[in-house]
Protein backbone atom coordinates (compact mmCIF):
# COMPACT_ATOMS: atom_id res chain seq x y z
CA MET A 1 -18.43 -11.98 -8.92
CA THR A 2 -19.37 -9.65 -6.10
CA ALA A 3 -17.69 -11.94 -3.59
CA VAL A 4 -14.48 -11.98 -5.64
CA LEU A 5 -14.39 -8.20 -5.82
CA ARG A 6 -14.91 -7.93 -2.09
CA ARG A 7 -11.97 -10.23 -1.47
CA THR A 8 -9.55 -8.72 -3.99
CA ALA A 9 -10.35 -5.06 -4.43
CA ALA A 10 -8.69 -2.60 -2.10
CA PRO A 11 -11.03 -0.80 0.29
CA THR A 12 -11.54 2.84 -0.60
CA THR A 13 -12.32 5.93 1.38
CA ALA A 14 -14.88 7.95 -0.48
CA HIS A 15 -14.68 10.72 2.09
CA GLY A 16 -11.40 11.68 3.68
CA GLY A 17 -8.07 13.17 2.86
CA TRP A 18 -5.05 11.85 1.03
CA TRP A 19 -3.54 10.37 4.18
CA ALA A 20 -6.72 8.52 5.19
CA LYS A 21 -6.93 6.93 1.74
CA THR A 22 -3.25 6.01 1.85
CA VAL A 23 -3.63 4.36 5.26
CA ALA A 24 -6.63 2.37 4.03
CA ALA A 25 -4.70 1.21 0.96
CA ALA A 26 -1.63 0.37 3.06
CA ARG A 27 -3.68 -1.73 5.47
CA TYR A 28 -5.21 -3.68 2.59
CA GLU A 29 -1.84 -4.20 0.91
CA TYR A 30 -0.19 -5.32 4.15
CA LEU A 31 -2.85 -7.92 4.91
CA MET A 32 -2.80 -9.26 1.35
CA GLN A 33 1.00 -9.51 1.17
CA VAL A 34 1.84 -10.81 4.63
CA ARG A 35 -0.41 -13.85 4.10
CA ARG A 36 1.48 -15.02 1.03
CA PRO A 37 3.60 -18.10 1.84
CA ALA A 38 6.14 -17.09 -0.83
CA VAL A 39 6.99 -13.94 1.14
CA TRP A 40 8.07 -15.97 4.14
CA VAL A 41 9.67 -18.88 2.29
CA VAL A 42 11.79 -16.77 -0.08
CA VAL A 43 12.92 -14.09 2.38
CA LEU A 44 13.62 -16.43 5.31
CA GLY A 45 15.25 -18.94 2.96
CA LEU A 46 17.77 -16.39 1.73
CA ILE A 47 18.49 -15.19 5.27
CA GLY A 48 19.06 -18.77 6.39
CA LEU A 49 21.26 -19.50 3.38
CA ARG A 50 23.56 -16.59 4.14
CA CYS A 51 23.61 -17.02 7.92
CA ALA A 52 24.37 -20.75 7.72
CA ALA A 53 27.99 -19.77 7.06
CA PRO A 54 28.25 -16.23 8.46
CA LEU A 55 31.02 -13.77 7.72
CA PRO A 56 33.50 -13.01 9.13
CA VAL A 57 34.39 -16.61 9.89
CA ASP A 58 35.30 -15.78 13.51
CA LEU A 59 31.94 -14.10 14.16
CA GLY A 60 31.14 -16.54 16.96
CA SER A 61 34.15 -15.36 18.97
CA ILE A 62 33.14 -11.67 18.96
CA THR A 63 31.95 -10.42 22.35
CA ASP A 64 31.60 -6.67 21.75
CA HIS A 65 27.86 -6.02 21.37
CA ASP A 66 28.20 -3.36 18.68
CA THR A 67 30.51 -5.36 16.44
CA LEU A 68 28.62 -8.60 16.99
CA VAL A 69 25.27 -7.11 16.00
CA ALA A 70 26.73 -5.14 13.08
CA ASP A 71 28.36 -8.19 11.56
CA TRP A 72 25.16 -10.21 11.88
CA ALA A 73 23.31 -7.35 10.20
CA GLY A 74 25.84 -7.53 7.37
CA ASN A 75 24.97 -11.19 6.89
CA PHE A 76 21.24 -10.46 6.88
CA ILE A 77 21.48 -7.66 4.30
CA MET A 78 23.69 -9.63 1.95
CA LEU A 79 20.93 -11.65 0.24
CA CYS A 80 17.52 -10.91 1.75
CA PRO A 81 16.90 -7.70 -0.29
CA ILE A 82 16.91 -9.86 -3.42
CA GLY A 83 14.08 -11.91 -1.93
CA VAL A 84 12.20 -8.82 -0.81
CA GLY A 85 12.38 -7.33 -4.28
CA ALA A 86 11.54 -10.59 -6.04
CA VAL A 87 8.28 -11.22 -4.18
CA LEU A 88 7.22 -7.56 -4.38
CA ALA A 89 7.83 -7.19 -8.11
CA ASP A 90 4.80 -9.21 -9.14
CA ARG A 91 2.25 -6.87 -7.54
CA VAL A 92 1.77 -5.13 -10.91
CA ARG A 93 1.30 -8.43 -12.76
CA ARG A 94 -1.08 -9.84 -10.13
CA GLU A 95 -3.40 -6.84 -10.38
CA ALA A 96 -3.42 -7.15 -14.16
CA ARG A 97 -4.05 -10.92 -13.97
CA LEU A 98 -6.97 -10.40 -11.58
CA GLU A 99 -8.30 -7.68 -13.92
CA LEU A 100 -8.30 -5.15 -11.11
CA ASN A 101 -6.67 -2.25 -12.95
CA ASP A 102 -9.90 -0.79 -14.32
CA LEU A 103 -11.68 -1.41 -11.04
CA LEU A 104 -8.98 0.32 -8.99
CA THR A 105 -8.82 3.23 -11.43
CA SER A 106 -12.56 3.77 -11.06
CA THR A 107 -12.42 4.10 -7.28
CA PRO A 108 -12.16 7.49 -5.55
CA THR A 109 -8.89 6.50 -3.85
CA GLY A 110 -6.69 8.02 -6.54
CA VAL A 111 -3.34 7.07 -8.05
CA GLY A 112 -1.20 8.60 -5.29
CA PRO A 113 -2.78 6.89 -2.27
CA ARG A 114 -2.86 3.55 -4.12
CA LEU A 115 0.82 3.75 -5.06
CA TRP A 116 2.05 4.96 -1.66
CA GLY A 117 -0.29 2.55 0.13
CA LYS A 118 1.18 -0.29 -1.91
CA ALA A 119 4.74 0.80 -1.12
CA ILE A 120 4.04 1.21 2.61
CA GLY A 121 1.72 -1.74 3.15
CA ALA A 122 3.14 -4.39 0.82
CA GLY A 123 6.67 -3.20 1.61
CA ALA A 124 6.14 -3.49 5.36
CA ALA A 125 4.60 -6.94 4.90
CA THR A 126 7.57 -8.16 2.87
CA ILE A 127 10.02 -6.76 5.43
CA THR A 128 8.08 -8.46 8.26
CA PRO A 129 9.91 -11.82 7.84
CA VAL A 130 13.22 -9.95 8.08
CA ALA A 131 12.07 -8.27 11.31
CA VAL A 132 10.85 -11.60 12.73
CA ALA A 133 14.15 -13.31 11.89
CA TRP A 134 16.09 -10.38 13.37
CA ALA A 135 14.01 -10.55 16.56
CA GLY A 136 14.75 -14.26 16.79
CA LEU A 137 18.47 -13.63 16.37
CA LEU A 138 18.41 -10.92 19.06
CA GLY A 139 16.68 -13.36 21.39
CA TYR A 140 19.44 -15.89 20.79
CA LEU A 141 22.20 -13.30 21.21
CA THR A 142 20.56 -11.99 24.39
CA ALA A 143 20.66 -15.48 25.87
CA GLN A 144 24.36 -15.68 25.01
CA HIS A 145 25.54 -12.14 25.78
CA GLY A 146 22.93 -10.41 27.93
CA ALA A 147 20.15 -7.87 27.44
CA GLY A 148 22.56 -5.15 26.32
CA VAL A 149 22.31 -6.66 22.82
CA ILE A 150 18.67 -5.56 22.44
CA PRO A 151 19.01 -1.75 22.14
CA VAL A 152 22.07 -2.18 19.92
CA GLY A 153 20.14 -4.61 17.75
CA LEU A 154 17.18 -2.26 17.36
CA ALA A 155 19.46 0.62 16.38
CA ALA A 156 21.34 -1.58 13.93
CA PHE A 157 18.11 -2.70 12.28
CA ALA A 158 17.07 0.93 11.82
CA VAL A 159 20.30 2.25 10.27
CA ILE A 160 21.94 -0.81 8.66
CA LEU A 161 19.10 -3.00 7.43
CA LEU A 162 16.10 -0.72 6.97
CA PRO A 163 17.45 1.94 4.54
CA GLY A 164 18.56 -0.65 1.99
CA LEU A 165 15.29 -2.54 2.33
CA VAL A 166 13.26 0.66 1.84
CA PHE A 167 15.33 1.41 -1.26
CA VAL A 168 14.59 -2.04 -2.71
CA VAL A 169 10.90 -1.83 -1.79
CA ALA A 170 10.49 1.49 -3.60
CA GLY A 171 12.17 0.12 -6.71
CA SER A 172 10.14 -3.07 -6.61
CA VAL A 173 6.76 -1.36 -6.61
CA THR A 174 7.68 1.21 -9.28
CA VAL A 175 10.20 -0.10 -11.83
CA PRO A 176 8.09 -3.18 -12.81
CA TYR A 177 5.51 -0.77 -14.27
CA LEU A 178 8.15 -0.06 -16.91
CA THR A 179 10.02 -3.37 -17.23
CA GLY A 180 7.61 -6.05 -16.04
CA PRO A 181 8.42 -8.30 -13.07
CA VAL A 182 10.66 -10.86 -14.81
CA LEU A 183 13.08 -8.35 -16.31
CA TYR A 184 13.07 -6.38 -13.06
CA ARG A 185 14.05 -9.45 -11.01
CA ILE A 186 16.96 -10.14 -13.35
CA GLY A 187 18.05 -6.52 -13.10
CA LEU A 188 17.73 -6.49 -9.32
CA PHE A 189 19.81 -9.65 -8.98
CA GLY A 190 22.52 -8.21 -11.23
CA TYR A 191 22.49 -4.80 -9.53
CA TRP A 192 22.66 -6.21 -6.02
CA PHE A 193 25.67 -8.39 -6.71
CA TRP A 194 27.44 -5.78 -8.82
CA GLY A 195 26.69 -2.82 -6.57
CA ASN A 196 27.11 -4.43 -3.16
CA MET A 197 29.06 -7.68 -3.39
CA VAL A 198 31.53 -7.25 -6.27
CA GLY A 199 34.23 -5.25 -4.54
CA PRO A 200 36.84 -2.99 -6.14
CA ARG A 201 39.39 -5.82 -6.04
CA PHE A 202 37.77 -7.23 -9.19
CA GLY A 203 38.69 -4.11 -11.16
CA ILE A 204 35.09 -3.44 -12.21
CA PRO A 205 33.56 0.02 -11.66
CA THR A 206 31.08 -0.46 -8.82
CA PRO A 207 29.53 1.59 -5.98
CA ALA A 208 30.59 -1.13 -3.53
CA GLY A 209 32.74 0.41 -0.83
CA THR A 210 31.36 3.91 -1.43
CA PRO A 211 28.53 5.77 0.35
CA PHE A 212 26.28 4.83 -2.58
CA GLU A 213 26.12 1.11 -1.91
CA ALA A 214 22.91 -0.25 -0.40
CA ASN A 215 24.13 -2.82 2.11
CA GLY A 216 24.68 -0.47 5.06
CA GLU A 217 28.43 -0.98 5.27
CA TYR A 218 29.18 2.65 6.14
CA PRO A 219 26.71 2.94 9.08
CA SER A 220 27.84 -0.49 10.24
CA GLY A 221 31.52 0.40 10.26
CA VAL A 222 31.21 3.94 11.61
CA TRP A 223 28.66 3.50 14.38
CA PHE A 224 28.93 -0.19 15.28
CA HIS A 225 32.55 -1.05 14.41
CA GLY A 226 31.37 -3.66 11.94
CA PHE A 227 33.68 -5.30 9.45
CA LEU A 228 34.37 -3.07 6.42
CA PHE A 229 34.80 -5.35 3.42
CA ASP A 230 34.76 -3.11 0.37
CA ALA A 231 35.54 0.27 1.94
CA ARG A 232 38.75 -1.20 3.33
CA GLN A 233 39.71 -2.43 -0.14
CA ARG A 234 39.37 1.15 -1.34
CA GLY A 235 41.52 2.36 1.53
CA ILE A 236 38.59 4.34 2.93
CA THR A 237 37.82 4.86 6.60
CA PRO A 238 34.23 6.18 6.55
CA THR A 239 33.21 9.15 8.66
CA GLY A 240 29.93 9.85 10.43
CA GLY A 241 28.98 12.31 7.70
CA GLU A 242 29.54 9.67 5.02
CA ALA A 243 27.40 7.22 6.97
CA VAL A 244 24.58 9.78 7.08
CA LEU A 245 25.08 10.43 3.36
CA SER A 246 24.78 6.71 2.65
CA ILE A 247 21.43 6.48 4.45
CA ALA A 248 20.14 9.74 2.97
CA PHE A 249 21.05 8.65 -0.55
CA LEU A 250 19.02 5.44 -0.29
CA LEU A 251 15.98 7.16 1.21
CA LEU A 252 16.07 9.99 -1.34
CA MET A 253 16.32 7.50 -4.22
CA ALA A 254 13.34 5.63 -2.81
CA LEU A 255 11.37 8.86 -2.52
CA ALA A 256 12.30 9.92 -6.04
CA ALA A 257 11.20 6.59 -7.51
CA LEU A 258 7.78 6.86 -5.90
CA VAL A 259 7.25 10.52 -6.77
CA ILE A 260 8.26 10.06 -10.42
CA THR A 261 6.08 6.96 -10.77
CA GLN A 262 3.12 8.78 -9.25
CA LEU A 263 3.52 11.62 -11.75
CA VAL A 264 3.75 9.20 -14.68
CA LEU A 265 0.74 7.13 -13.58
CA THR A 266 -1.29 10.27 -12.92
CA ARG A 267 -0.64 11.48 -16.47
CA ARG A 268 -1.64 8.07 -17.85
CA SER A 269 -4.80 7.86 -15.75
CA PRO A 270 -7.98 8.52 -17.76
CA SER A 271 -9.41 10.49 -14.83
């Protein structure tokens, strides 16, 4: 029993501040999550599925570095957040199945560091396959178009891919406390297609094509001249301010989800 606890229970920092405890929890969560084969299979599988037939169809003929990288980023972000959210959503169930809830509650780490450590560590681990695949793509594009692709690719990852992934990570480590992982996965799948892939041409109210979508279309179109699918259908030409708003909205929603969940869990905690 002692050996099992040593392998499964998160390390705690009896002495130290909030940040030290959060870092310790994040390190534990990262190492646990990044070793899971499902993380790599699901996330890389969805990236490969989308990029096997990339959009736009003439993507291979694009030579401008900004547009080329932006359109590849659009293909990456189309499906991989579903995989990221799906494999993260079961963290709550796994801890319950391993009967770790009481053990973790009894440690001096505290609710806040455990929650934020889970979001940072497990989230970073689940995004790692996306970063690895993106690095591989940049290597391929560099061989085809030169080293100028690399700085553009790093910037595109930061402002097109990462905000939406952070948004999904935050939801995936908080909402399942309320819904459970199965219902959350169904909801995530429905939201992602409705909010990011069902454009206004279908006549359904949707945030697609507005600054409140999560697929990075506004930063892609404004700063990298990427293809604007849904914004163009709305007759919108995004501005730099709207691109910033789009990123800020996703990050603020992620922050709000974590803060609200911490408050709720703190109130429920027997300590």
